[in-house]
Each structure stands twice: as C-alpha cells, then as structure tokens.
N, C-alpha and C. Protein backbone atom coordinates (compact mmCIF):
# COMPACT_ATOMS: atom_id res chain seq x y z
N MET A 1 -8.04 64.01 -61.50
CA MET A 1 -7.79 64.54 -60.14
C MET A 1 -7.87 66.07 -60.32
N THR A 2 -8.44 66.76 -59.31
CA THR A 2 -8.65 68.20 -59.31
C THR A 2 -7.54 68.81 -58.43
N SER A 3 -7.29 70.10 -58.65
CA SER A 3 -6.26 70.84 -58.11
C SER A 3 -6.68 71.52 -56.72
N THR A 4 -7.79 71.02 -56.34
CA THR A 4 -8.30 71.55 -55.00
C THR A 4 -8.58 70.45 -54.06
N SER A 5 -8.65 70.60 -52.69
CA SER A 5 -9.15 69.79 -51.86
C SER A 5 -10.38 70.13 -51.34
N GLN A 6 -11.55 69.25 -51.31
CA GLN A 6 -12.76 69.79 -50.76
C GLN A 6 -12.77 69.50 -49.18
N ILE A 7 -13.28 70.35 -48.50
CA ILE A 7 -13.57 70.21 -47.18
C ILE A 7 -15.00 70.53 -46.91
N ASN A 8 -15.69 69.49 -46.26
CA ASN A 8 -17.06 69.69 -45.90
C ASN A 8 -17.11 70.34 -44.47
N SER A 9 -17.67 71.44 -44.37
CA SER A 9 -17.83 72.06 -43.12
C SER A 9 -19.28 72.50 -42.79
N ALA A 10 -19.92 71.93 -41.87
CA ALA A 10 -21.30 72.05 -41.47
C ALA A 10 -22.25 71.83 -42.78
N GLY A 11 -21.95 70.85 -43.56
CA GLY A 11 -22.80 70.61 -44.77
C GLY A 11 -22.45 71.44 -46.04
N LYS A 12 -21.59 72.29 -45.90
CA LYS A 12 -21.29 73.19 -46.99
C LYS A 12 -19.91 72.85 -47.58
N GLY A 13 -19.80 72.67 -48.91
CA GLY A 13 -18.64 72.33 -49.50
C GLY A 13 -17.71 73.52 -49.63
N ARG A 14 -16.59 73.32 -49.05
CA ARG A 14 -15.51 74.47 -49.24
C ARG A 14 -14.33 73.89 -49.97
N PHE A 15 -13.73 74.85 -50.75
CA PHE A 15 -12.46 74.37 -51.53
C PHE A 15 -11.24 75.10 -51.07
N LEU A 16 -10.11 74.43 -50.91
CA LEU A 16 -8.86 75.10 -50.68
C LEU A 16 -7.98 74.86 -51.72
N PRO A 17 -7.06 75.72 -52.19
CA PRO A 17 -6.30 75.60 -53.28
C PRO A 17 -5.05 74.77 -52.85
N ASP A 18 -4.44 74.08 -53.81
CA ASP A 18 -3.21 73.40 -53.42
C ASP A 18 -2.12 74.30 -52.90
N ASP A 19 -2.11 75.53 -53.43
CA ASP A 19 -1.08 76.56 -52.98
C ASP A 19 -1.86 77.60 -52.31
N LEU A 20 -1.70 77.53 -50.84
CA LEU A 20 -2.31 78.52 -49.99
C LEU A 20 -1.74 79.88 -50.16
N SER A 21 -0.48 79.98 -50.58
CA SER A 21 0.14 81.24 -50.81
C SER A 21 -0.53 82.11 -51.79
N LEU A 22 -1.39 81.57 -52.67
CA LEU A 22 -2.01 82.43 -53.56
C LEU A 22 -3.12 83.28 -52.99
N TYR A 23 -3.58 82.81 -51.79
CA TYR A 23 -4.77 83.53 -50.95
C TYR A 23 -4.20 84.44 -49.99
N ILE A 24 -3.09 83.97 -49.28
CA ILE A 24 -2.60 84.76 -48.17
C ILE A 24 -1.31 85.24 -48.27
N GLY A 25 -0.63 85.13 -49.47
CA GLY A 25 0.80 85.56 -49.67
C GLY A 25 1.83 84.73 -48.89
N LYS A 26 3.00 84.63 -49.77
CA LYS A 26 4.13 83.64 -49.18
C LYS A 26 4.57 84.25 -47.82
N LYS A 27 4.67 85.50 -47.64
CA LYS A 27 5.28 85.91 -46.44
C LYS A 27 4.26 85.61 -45.24
N THR A 28 2.97 85.75 -45.44
CA THR A 28 2.04 85.37 -44.36
C THR A 28 1.98 83.93 -44.19
N LEU A 29 2.22 83.16 -45.19
CA LEU A 29 2.19 81.69 -45.03
C LEU A 29 3.41 81.25 -44.27
N VAL A 30 4.58 81.83 -44.57
CA VAL A 30 5.84 81.55 -43.89
C VAL A 30 5.66 81.84 -42.31
N LYS A 31 5.00 82.88 -42.11
CA LYS A 31 4.84 83.41 -40.72
C LYS A 31 3.98 82.47 -39.96
N LEU A 32 2.76 81.95 -40.58
CA LEU A 32 1.96 80.98 -39.97
C LEU A 32 2.67 79.77 -39.76
N VAL A 33 3.46 79.09 -40.67
CA VAL A 33 4.17 78.01 -40.67
C VAL A 33 5.12 78.05 -39.50
N LEU A 34 5.95 79.15 -39.40
CA LEU A 34 6.91 79.26 -38.41
C LEU A 34 6.17 79.37 -36.94
N GLU A 35 5.10 80.04 -36.83
CA GLU A 35 4.27 80.07 -35.64
C GLU A 35 3.76 78.62 -35.16
N ALA A 36 3.45 77.83 -36.15
CA ALA A 36 2.91 76.57 -35.91
C ALA A 36 4.08 75.66 -35.49
N MET A 37 5.20 75.71 -36.02
CA MET A 37 6.38 74.91 -35.67
C MET A 37 6.96 75.31 -34.37
N GLU A 38 6.74 76.74 -33.93
CA GLU A 38 7.21 77.14 -32.66
C GLU A 38 6.34 76.49 -31.61
N GLU A 39 5.03 76.41 -31.93
CA GLU A 39 4.06 75.61 -30.94
C GLU A 39 4.47 74.17 -30.74
N VAL A 40 4.74 73.50 -31.93
CA VAL A 40 5.11 72.15 -31.81
C VAL A 40 6.42 72.02 -30.95
N ASN A 41 7.36 72.83 -31.25
CA ASN A 41 8.68 72.74 -30.45
C ASN A 41 8.35 73.01 -29.07
N ALA A 42 7.56 74.03 -28.68
CA ALA A 42 7.30 74.16 -27.17
C ALA A 42 6.66 72.94 -26.59
N ARG A 43 5.79 72.28 -27.40
CA ARG A 43 5.18 71.06 -26.77
C ARG A 43 6.19 69.89 -26.61
N ASN A 44 7.31 69.91 -27.51
CA ASN A 44 8.35 68.84 -27.38
C ASN A 44 9.57 69.23 -26.74
N ALA A 45 9.51 70.26 -25.85
CA ALA A 45 10.69 70.87 -25.23
C ALA A 45 11.47 69.80 -24.35
N GLU A 46 10.73 68.84 -23.88
CA GLU A 46 11.36 67.87 -23.11
C GLU A 46 12.30 66.87 -23.86
N ARG A 47 12.21 66.90 -25.19
CA ARG A 47 12.99 66.03 -26.04
C ARG A 47 14.34 66.61 -26.09
N GLU A 48 14.63 67.86 -25.79
CA GLU A 48 15.91 68.56 -26.06
C GLU A 48 17.04 67.68 -25.34
N GLY A 49 16.87 67.36 -24.13
CA GLY A 49 17.76 66.49 -23.42
C GLY A 49 18.21 65.22 -24.09
N ARG A 50 17.39 64.69 -25.04
CA ARG A 50 17.80 63.40 -25.65
C ARG A 50 18.25 63.68 -27.08
N GLU A 51 18.16 64.71 -27.62
CA GLU A 51 18.69 65.12 -28.88
C GLU A 51 19.83 66.01 -28.80
N SER A 52 20.88 66.09 -29.69
CA SER A 52 21.82 67.01 -29.78
C SER A 52 21.11 68.23 -30.42
N HIS A 53 21.75 69.42 -30.16
CA HIS A 53 21.20 70.67 -30.53
C HIS A 53 21.07 70.63 -32.10
N SER A 54 22.15 70.26 -32.63
CA SER A 54 22.21 70.35 -34.18
C SER A 54 21.19 69.39 -34.83
N VAL A 55 20.96 68.29 -34.20
CA VAL A 55 19.97 67.32 -34.79
C VAL A 55 18.57 67.95 -34.51
N ALA A 56 18.23 68.41 -33.27
CA ALA A 56 17.05 69.05 -33.02
C ALA A 56 16.75 70.32 -34.07
N PHE A 57 17.84 71.02 -34.27
CA PHE A 57 17.63 72.32 -35.15
C PHE A 57 17.35 71.83 -36.62
N GLN A 58 18.09 70.73 -37.02
CA GLN A 58 17.90 70.24 -38.35
C GLN A 58 16.45 69.69 -38.55
N SER A 59 16.05 68.93 -37.53
CA SER A 59 14.72 68.37 -37.63
C SER A 59 13.69 69.45 -37.58
N ALA A 60 13.73 70.39 -36.80
CA ALA A 60 12.80 71.48 -36.83
C ALA A 60 12.84 72.30 -38.08
N MET A 61 13.98 72.54 -38.68
CA MET A 61 14.07 73.15 -39.99
C MET A 61 13.44 72.31 -41.08
N MET A 62 13.72 71.05 -41.02
CA MET A 62 13.08 70.30 -42.13
C MET A 62 11.49 70.11 -41.89
N LEU A 63 10.99 69.98 -40.76
CA LEU A 63 9.60 69.99 -40.60
C LEU A 63 8.95 71.24 -40.99
N THR A 64 9.61 72.39 -40.66
CA THR A 64 9.15 73.62 -41.15
C THR A 64 9.09 73.80 -42.67
N LEU A 65 10.22 73.28 -43.32
CA LEU A 65 10.30 73.43 -44.63
C LEU A 65 9.24 72.54 -45.34
N LEU A 66 8.94 71.31 -44.78
CA LEU A 66 7.94 70.51 -45.41
C LEU A 66 6.61 70.90 -45.32
N ALA A 67 6.34 71.48 -44.04
CA ALA A 67 5.01 72.20 -43.76
C ALA A 67 4.77 73.33 -44.90
N TYR A 68 5.80 74.02 -45.08
CA TYR A 68 5.50 75.19 -46.23
C TYR A 68 5.44 74.69 -47.48
N CYS A 69 6.25 73.66 -47.79
CA CYS A 69 6.09 73.08 -49.23
C CYS A 69 4.81 72.45 -49.43
N TYR A 70 4.38 71.67 -48.47
CA TYR A 70 3.07 71.12 -48.62
C TYR A 70 1.94 72.05 -48.63
N ALA A 71 2.06 73.10 -47.88
CA ALA A 71 0.99 74.19 -48.04
C ALA A 71 0.94 74.92 -49.40
N THR A 72 2.13 74.87 -50.04
CA THR A 72 2.25 75.63 -51.44
C THR A 72 2.10 74.56 -52.51
N GLY A 73 1.71 73.40 -52.17
CA GLY A 73 1.40 72.30 -53.30
C GLY A 73 2.65 71.72 -53.79
N VAL A 74 3.75 71.74 -53.10
CA VAL A 74 5.08 71.09 -53.49
C VAL A 74 5.19 69.82 -52.67
N TYR A 75 4.94 68.62 -53.11
CA TYR A 75 4.93 67.45 -52.49
C TYR A 75 6.14 66.54 -52.67
N GLY A 76 6.71 66.46 -53.80
CA GLY A 76 7.68 65.59 -54.13
C GLY A 76 9.05 65.99 -53.61
N SER A 77 9.87 65.02 -53.23
CA SER A 77 11.22 65.35 -52.76
C SER A 77 12.06 66.19 -53.86
N VAL A 78 11.98 65.77 -55.05
CA VAL A 78 12.72 66.42 -56.11
C VAL A 78 12.14 67.78 -56.29
N ASP A 79 10.91 67.91 -56.17
CA ASP A 79 10.18 69.23 -56.35
C ASP A 79 10.60 70.19 -55.24
N ILE A 80 10.77 69.61 -54.11
CA ILE A 80 11.23 70.45 -52.90
C ILE A 80 12.69 70.89 -53.17
N GLN A 81 13.45 69.86 -53.61
CA GLN A 81 14.84 70.34 -53.79
C GLN A 81 14.95 71.32 -54.96
N LEU A 82 14.17 71.25 -56.02
CA LEU A 82 14.24 72.26 -57.14
C LEU A 82 13.69 73.61 -56.50
N GLY A 83 12.71 73.51 -55.65
CA GLY A 83 12.22 74.73 -55.10
C GLY A 83 13.37 75.68 -54.35
N MET A 84 14.33 75.04 -53.83
CA MET A 84 15.38 75.73 -53.16
C MET A 84 16.16 76.73 -54.16
N GLN A 85 16.10 76.33 -55.49
CA GLN A 85 16.64 77.07 -56.40
C GLN A 85 15.79 78.34 -56.97
N HIS A 86 14.43 78.07 -56.81
CA HIS A 86 13.48 79.02 -57.42
C HIS A 86 12.71 79.70 -56.54
N ASP A 87 12.50 79.32 -55.26
CA ASP A 87 11.62 79.86 -54.24
C ASP A 87 12.45 80.50 -53.08
N GLN A 88 12.32 81.88 -53.01
CA GLN A 88 13.07 82.60 -52.05
C GLN A 88 12.64 82.16 -50.64
N MET A 89 11.36 81.99 -50.49
CA MET A 89 10.88 81.62 -49.00
C MET A 89 11.42 80.23 -48.67
N ILE A 90 11.70 79.17 -49.61
CA ILE A 90 12.19 77.96 -49.25
C ILE A 90 13.66 78.18 -48.90
N ARG A 91 14.41 79.05 -49.59
CA ARG A 91 15.75 79.26 -49.21
C ARG A 91 15.80 79.94 -47.88
N TYR A 92 14.83 80.82 -47.61
CA TYR A 92 14.80 81.50 -46.19
C TYR A 92 14.61 80.58 -45.14
N LEU A 93 13.65 79.58 -45.35
CA LEU A 93 13.43 78.55 -44.38
C LEU A 93 14.51 77.71 -44.14
N CYS A 94 15.50 77.43 -45.20
CA CYS A 94 16.57 76.57 -45.10
C CYS A 94 17.72 77.27 -44.36
N ALA A 95 17.72 78.42 -44.28
CA ALA A 95 18.62 79.26 -43.51
C ALA A 95 20.09 78.95 -43.87
N GLY A 96 20.28 78.76 -45.10
CA GLY A 96 21.67 78.49 -45.62
C GLY A 96 22.18 77.02 -45.51
N ASP A 97 21.36 76.09 -44.95
CA ASP A 97 21.63 74.68 -44.72
C ASP A 97 20.65 73.96 -45.84
N TYR A 98 21.05 73.79 -46.92
CA TYR A 98 20.18 73.13 -47.99
C TYR A 98 20.33 71.62 -47.96
N PRO A 99 19.29 70.98 -47.52
CA PRO A 99 19.28 69.44 -47.58
C PRO A 99 19.27 68.93 -48.85
N ASP A 100 20.07 67.75 -49.09
CA ASP A 100 20.05 67.15 -50.33
C ASP A 100 18.73 66.14 -50.46
N ILE A 101 18.54 65.59 -51.52
CA ILE A 101 17.32 64.82 -51.86
C ILE A 101 17.23 63.56 -50.85
N CYS A 102 18.32 63.08 -50.57
CA CYS A 102 18.38 61.88 -49.62
C CYS A 102 17.91 62.29 -48.19
N VAL A 103 18.26 63.28 -47.70
CA VAL A 103 17.92 63.93 -46.42
C VAL A 103 16.46 64.17 -46.39
N ILE A 104 15.94 64.74 -47.45
CA ILE A 104 14.57 65.28 -47.65
C ILE A 104 13.71 63.87 -47.56
N ARG A 105 14.10 62.83 -48.32
CA ARG A 105 13.39 61.59 -48.37
C ARG A 105 13.42 60.92 -47.07
N SER A 106 14.54 60.82 -46.44
CA SER A 106 14.67 60.22 -45.13
C SER A 106 13.73 60.90 -44.12
N VAL A 107 13.55 62.14 -44.08
CA VAL A 107 12.83 63.00 -43.19
C VAL A 107 11.34 62.63 -43.40
N ARG A 108 11.16 62.73 -44.65
CA ARG A 108 9.66 62.48 -45.06
C ARG A 108 9.24 61.02 -44.65
N ARG A 109 10.02 60.04 -44.88
CA ARG A 109 9.64 58.71 -44.48
C ARG A 109 9.55 58.52 -42.99
N PHE A 110 10.52 59.12 -42.24
CA PHE A 110 10.45 59.17 -40.84
C PHE A 110 9.28 59.70 -40.22
N HIS A 111 8.74 60.74 -40.80
CA HIS A 111 7.58 61.50 -40.20
C HIS A 111 6.26 61.30 -40.80
N ARG A 112 6.09 60.07 -41.53
CA ARG A 112 4.89 59.67 -42.14
C ARG A 112 3.76 59.46 -41.16
C-alpha cells in the first residue's frame, strides 16, 4: 500500500499526500477545514431547532476534528486521541473539550 492517493484528472495521474499539511501548512489546513464546516453548518441551519445547542456544537466540533485528522493522514480513533496530546492544531479544534475514544468511535460510526 502506498502513502499517496492517486487521482486521475483529465487523463493525467496526480498524487496527493496522506498529510496535506505538508504542502499547505497546518494553519492553512485548519482554516480550510473550518471554512468547509461553516458551509456545512450553514446548509444544515434548519436542524438547530431539533438539536440542543450543546449537541449541535459537539457534533460540529467532532466533524471538524475528523475532517482535519483525515486530511493529515490520521485515521484511527486511537491515533486521533493520541493526536490530542501531540498536535497543537487538534487541541485547538477541540477547544478544551477533548472527546474520549468511545465518543470518537461512535461519531465515526454514525457518520459513515
């Protein structure tokens, strides 16, 4: 198994690294992930009435965290939890509310 994903675009093979932050930097990647999640939240604004604010916040934070982790090549629940200790950007995205491994697993399963 290779460490890159091949994307065919107009007949030309292009490769993306597992960790996009190597090319665009962690701060830029966090900015892009946050912008994407804001767009998702704007599209799902009608759900706010059905969910409590804390549940909606936790869900948005978790999806943002997962998007960032996947973009940096961190896929496993255990690896995501370990990243909270070693990656400043993961800690920033968690905003002081660090989910345990059971929460990470349940969110990942729910959003498959």
